[in-house]
N, C-alpha and C. Protein backbone atom coordinates (compact mmCIF):
# COMPACT_ATOMS: atom_id res chain seq x y z
N UNK A 1 -98.33 98.91 115.26
CA UNK A 1 -97.22 99.82 115.12
C UNK A 1 -97.61 100.92 114.16
N UNK A 2 -97.27 102.15 114.49
CA UNK A 2 -97.60 103.28 113.62
C UNK A 2 -96.60 103.35 112.48
N UNK A 3 -96.95 104.12 111.47
CA UNK A 3 -96.08 104.26 110.30
C UNK A 3 -95.08 105.39 110.53
N UNK A 4 -93.87 105.23 110.03
CA UNK A 4 -92.88 106.30 110.12
C UNK A 4 -93.23 107.45 109.18
N UNK A 5 -92.67 108.62 109.43
CA UNK A 5 -92.82 109.77 108.54
C UNK A 5 -91.95 109.53 107.33
N UNK A 6 -92.48 109.80 106.16
CA UNK A 6 -91.69 109.69 104.90
C UNK A 6 -90.76 110.85 104.85
N UNK A 7 -89.45 110.60 104.97
CA UNK A 7 -88.46 111.68 105.02
C UNK A 7 -88.10 112.18 103.62
N UNK A 8 -88.16 111.32 102.63
CA UNK A 8 -87.75 111.67 101.27
C UNK A 8 -88.40 110.68 100.26
N UNK A 9 -88.52 111.12 99.05
CA UNK A 9 -89.06 110.26 97.98
C UNK A 9 -87.98 109.48 97.27
N UNK A 10 -86.74 109.69 97.65
CA UNK A 10 -85.59 109.00 97.06
C UNK A 10 -84.62 108.62 98.19
N UNK A 11 -83.70 107.70 97.89
CA UNK A 11 -82.72 107.32 98.92
C UNK A 11 -81.69 108.40 99.13
N UNK A 12 -80.99 108.31 100.27
CA UNK A 12 -79.92 109.21 100.58
C UNK A 12 -78.59 108.53 100.25
N UNK A 13 -77.85 109.06 99.28
CA UNK A 13 -76.55 108.53 98.89
C UNK A 13 -75.51 109.07 99.88
N UNK A 14 -74.80 108.17 100.55
CA UNK A 14 -73.82 108.58 101.56
C UNK A 14 -72.54 107.77 101.39
N UNK A 15 -71.43 108.47 101.53
CA UNK A 15 -70.15 107.80 101.58
C UNK A 15 -69.91 107.33 103.01
N UNK A 16 -69.70 106.03 103.18
CA UNK A 16 -69.43 105.49 104.52
C UNK A 16 -68.00 105.05 104.63
N UNK A 17 -67.50 105.01 105.85
CA UNK A 17 -66.11 104.65 106.09
C UNK A 17 -66.03 103.31 106.79
N UNK A 18 -65.21 102.41 106.28
CA UNK A 18 -65.02 101.08 106.87
C UNK A 18 -64.72 101.17 108.35
N UNK A 19 -65.39 100.32 109.14
CA UNK A 19 -65.17 100.29 110.55
C UNK A 19 -65.95 101.30 111.36
N UNK A 20 -66.82 102.06 110.69
CA UNK A 20 -67.63 103.08 111.37
C UNK A 20 -69.05 102.61 111.47
N UNK A 21 -69.69 102.94 112.58
CA UNK A 21 -71.10 102.63 112.82
C UNK A 21 -71.95 103.86 112.49
N UNK A 22 -73.06 103.62 111.84
CA UNK A 22 -74.03 104.69 111.51
C UNK A 22 -75.40 104.28 112.07
N UNK A 23 -76.17 105.26 112.51
CA UNK A 23 -77.49 104.95 113.04
C UNK A 23 -78.54 105.63 112.18
N UNK A 24 -79.24 104.82 111.42
CA UNK A 24 -80.27 105.26 110.48
C UNK A 24 -81.56 105.61 111.21
N UNK A 25 -82.12 106.75 110.84
CA UNK A 25 -83.39 107.18 111.42
C UNK A 25 -84.53 106.31 110.92
N UNK A 26 -85.21 105.60 111.78
CA UNK A 26 -86.32 104.75 111.39
C UNK A 26 -87.68 105.44 111.51
N UNK A 27 -87.73 106.52 112.29
CA UNK A 27 -89.00 107.22 112.49
C UNK A 27 -89.34 108.25 111.43
N UNK A 28 -88.31 108.74 110.74
CA UNK A 28 -88.49 109.72 109.70
C UNK A 28 -88.56 111.17 110.19
N UNK A 29 -88.39 111.37 111.52
CA UNK A 29 -88.55 112.72 112.09
C UNK A 29 -87.23 113.45 112.31
N UNK A 30 -86.10 112.76 112.13
CA UNK A 30 -84.81 113.37 112.37
C UNK A 30 -84.57 114.55 111.43
N UNK A 31 -83.97 115.61 111.93
CA UNK A 31 -83.59 116.76 111.11
C UNK A 31 -82.24 116.53 110.46
N UNK A 32 -81.61 115.36 110.76
CA UNK A 32 -80.28 115.05 110.26
C UNK A 32 -80.36 113.80 109.36
N UNK A 33 -81.39 113.74 108.50
CA UNK A 33 -81.63 112.58 107.65
C UNK A 33 -80.38 112.25 106.81
N UNK A 34 -80.05 110.97 106.63
CA UNK A 34 -80.84 109.81 107.00
C UNK A 34 -80.49 109.27 108.40
N UNK A 35 -79.74 110.07 109.18
CA UNK A 35 -79.24 109.59 110.44
C UNK A 35 -80.09 110.08 111.63
N UNK A 36 -80.04 109.31 112.69
CA UNK A 36 -80.83 109.59 113.90
C UNK A 36 -80.31 110.83 114.63
N UNK A 37 -81.23 111.64 115.11
CA UNK A 37 -80.85 112.78 115.98
C UNK A 37 -81.59 112.71 117.31
N UNK A 38 -82.24 111.55 117.59
CA UNK A 38 -82.93 111.39 118.84
C UNK A 38 -84.41 111.77 118.80
N UNK A 39 -84.93 112.17 117.64
CA UNK A 39 -86.29 112.60 117.50
C UNK A 39 -87.31 111.48 117.81
N UNK A 40 -86.86 110.25 117.79
CA UNK A 40 -87.76 109.13 118.04
C UNK A 40 -88.12 108.96 119.52
N UNK A 41 -87.45 109.68 120.40
CA UNK A 41 -87.73 109.52 121.86
C UNK A 41 -89.20 109.73 122.14
N UNK A 42 -89.75 108.80 122.89
CA UNK A 42 -91.19 108.85 123.21
C UNK A 42 -92.05 108.16 122.19
N UNK A 43 -91.43 107.53 121.17
CA UNK A 43 -92.22 106.80 120.17
C UNK A 43 -91.79 105.33 120.24
N UNK A 44 -92.42 104.49 119.41
CA UNK A 44 -92.07 103.08 119.38
C UNK A 44 -90.89 102.77 118.46
N UNK A 45 -90.34 103.79 117.81
CA UNK A 45 -89.23 103.61 116.89
C UNK A 45 -87.90 103.64 117.57
N UNK A 46 -86.95 102.92 117.00
CA UNK A 46 -85.54 102.98 117.44
C UNK A 46 -84.67 103.00 116.20
N UNK A 47 -83.53 103.67 116.26
CA UNK A 47 -82.67 103.75 115.09
C UNK A 47 -82.09 102.37 114.75
N UNK A 48 -81.66 102.21 113.50
CA UNK A 48 -81.10 100.95 113.05
C UNK A 48 -79.60 101.15 112.82
N UNK A 49 -78.80 100.32 113.48
CA UNK A 49 -77.33 100.43 113.37
C UNK A 49 -76.86 99.81 112.04
N UNK A 50 -75.99 100.56 111.37
CA UNK A 50 -75.38 100.06 110.15
C UNK A 50 -73.87 100.06 110.37
N UNK A 51 -73.24 98.91 110.20
CA UNK A 51 -71.78 98.79 110.35
C UNK A 51 -71.16 98.75 108.96
N UNK A 52 -70.36 99.76 108.64
CA UNK A 52 -69.69 99.79 107.36
C UNK A 52 -68.51 98.86 107.36
N UNK A 53 -68.53 97.87 106.48
CA UNK A 53 -67.41 96.95 106.37
C UNK A 53 -66.40 97.37 105.33
N UNK A 54 -66.87 98.22 104.41
CA UNK A 54 -66.01 98.79 103.35
C UNK A 54 -66.27 100.29 103.26
N UNK A 55 -65.29 101.02 102.80
CA UNK A 55 -65.47 102.45 102.51
C UNK A 55 -66.07 102.52 101.10
N UNK A 56 -67.27 103.01 100.98
CA UNK A 56 -67.97 103.07 99.71
C UNK A 56 -69.22 103.94 99.81
N UNK A 57 -69.90 104.14 98.69
CA UNK A 57 -71.19 104.83 98.68
C UNK A 57 -72.30 103.81 98.90
N UNK A 58 -73.21 104.15 99.83
CA UNK A 58 -74.39 103.32 100.04
C UNK A 58 -75.62 104.20 99.96
N UNK A 59 -76.75 103.58 99.80
CA UNK A 59 -77.99 104.34 99.66
C UNK A 59 -78.95 103.98 100.79
N UNK A 60 -79.05 104.91 101.75
CA UNK A 60 -79.95 104.73 102.90
C UNK A 60 -81.36 105.09 102.49
N UNK A 61 -82.32 104.29 102.95
CA UNK A 61 -83.72 104.50 102.62
C UNK A 61 -84.19 105.85 103.11
N UNK A 62 -84.94 106.57 102.25
CA UNK A 62 -85.54 107.84 102.61
C UNK A 62 -87.01 107.74 102.86
N UNK A 63 -87.69 106.79 102.23
CA UNK A 63 -89.12 106.66 102.39
C UNK A 63 -89.53 105.90 103.62
N UNK A 64 -88.59 105.22 104.28
CA UNK A 64 -88.76 104.48 105.52
C UNK A 64 -89.65 103.22 105.35
N UNK A 65 -89.81 102.78 104.09
CA UNK A 65 -90.63 101.59 103.83
C UNK A 65 -89.82 100.38 103.40
N UNK A 66 -88.51 100.49 103.35
CA UNK A 66 -87.66 99.41 102.90
C UNK A 66 -87.80 98.15 103.72
N UNK A 67 -87.72 97.03 103.10
CA UNK A 67 -87.70 95.74 103.82
C UNK A 67 -86.30 95.35 104.23
N UNK A 68 -85.31 96.07 103.69
CA UNK A 68 -83.91 95.76 104.00
C UNK A 68 -83.26 96.94 104.79
N UNK A 69 -83.90 97.31 105.87
CA UNK A 69 -83.44 98.43 106.67
C UNK A 69 -81.97 98.24 107.05
N UNK A 70 -81.15 99.27 106.92
CA UNK A 70 -81.52 100.65 106.63
C UNK A 70 -81.32 101.03 105.15
N UNK A 71 -80.97 100.09 104.33
CA UNK A 71 -80.64 100.40 102.92
C UNK A 71 -81.86 100.39 102.03
N UNK A 72 -81.82 101.18 101.01
CA UNK A 72 -82.91 101.28 100.03
C UNK A 72 -83.11 99.98 99.29
N UNK A 73 -84.35 99.56 99.13
CA UNK A 73 -84.67 98.37 98.32
C UNK A 73 -85.60 98.71 97.18
N UNK A 74 -85.79 100.02 96.90
CA UNK A 74 -86.66 100.44 95.82
C UNK A 74 -88.10 100.65 96.22
N UNK A 75 -88.42 100.48 97.49
CA UNK A 75 -89.80 100.63 97.96
C UNK A 75 -90.39 102.01 97.62
N UNK A 76 -89.57 103.03 97.53
CA UNK A 76 -90.08 104.39 97.23
C UNK A 76 -90.72 104.44 95.86
N UNK A 77 -90.40 103.50 94.99
CA UNK A 77 -90.97 103.46 93.63
C UNK A 77 -92.33 102.79 93.62
N UNK A 78 -92.70 102.15 94.71
CA UNK A 78 -93.99 101.43 94.82
C UNK A 78 -95.14 102.33 95.18
N UNK A 79 -94.82 103.44 95.86
CA UNK A 79 -95.89 104.32 96.40
C UNK A 79 -96.45 105.23 95.38
């Protein structure tokens, strides 16, 4: 498997709404980071669905190296 493009060196802080689905960009090529815009088409990557159970601020991974996709786990600090 190839490596995704590093979209950012820090996570994306986003307010999410309970009951809403979000699709996190796993390839790093989306122009609508941290969300998918279809740029992965023709690659081995697929977006990761995130279901918001509460309305709150979450931190979506920007470096694309997180082990807890789609949320940041601090992996950007390891590089």
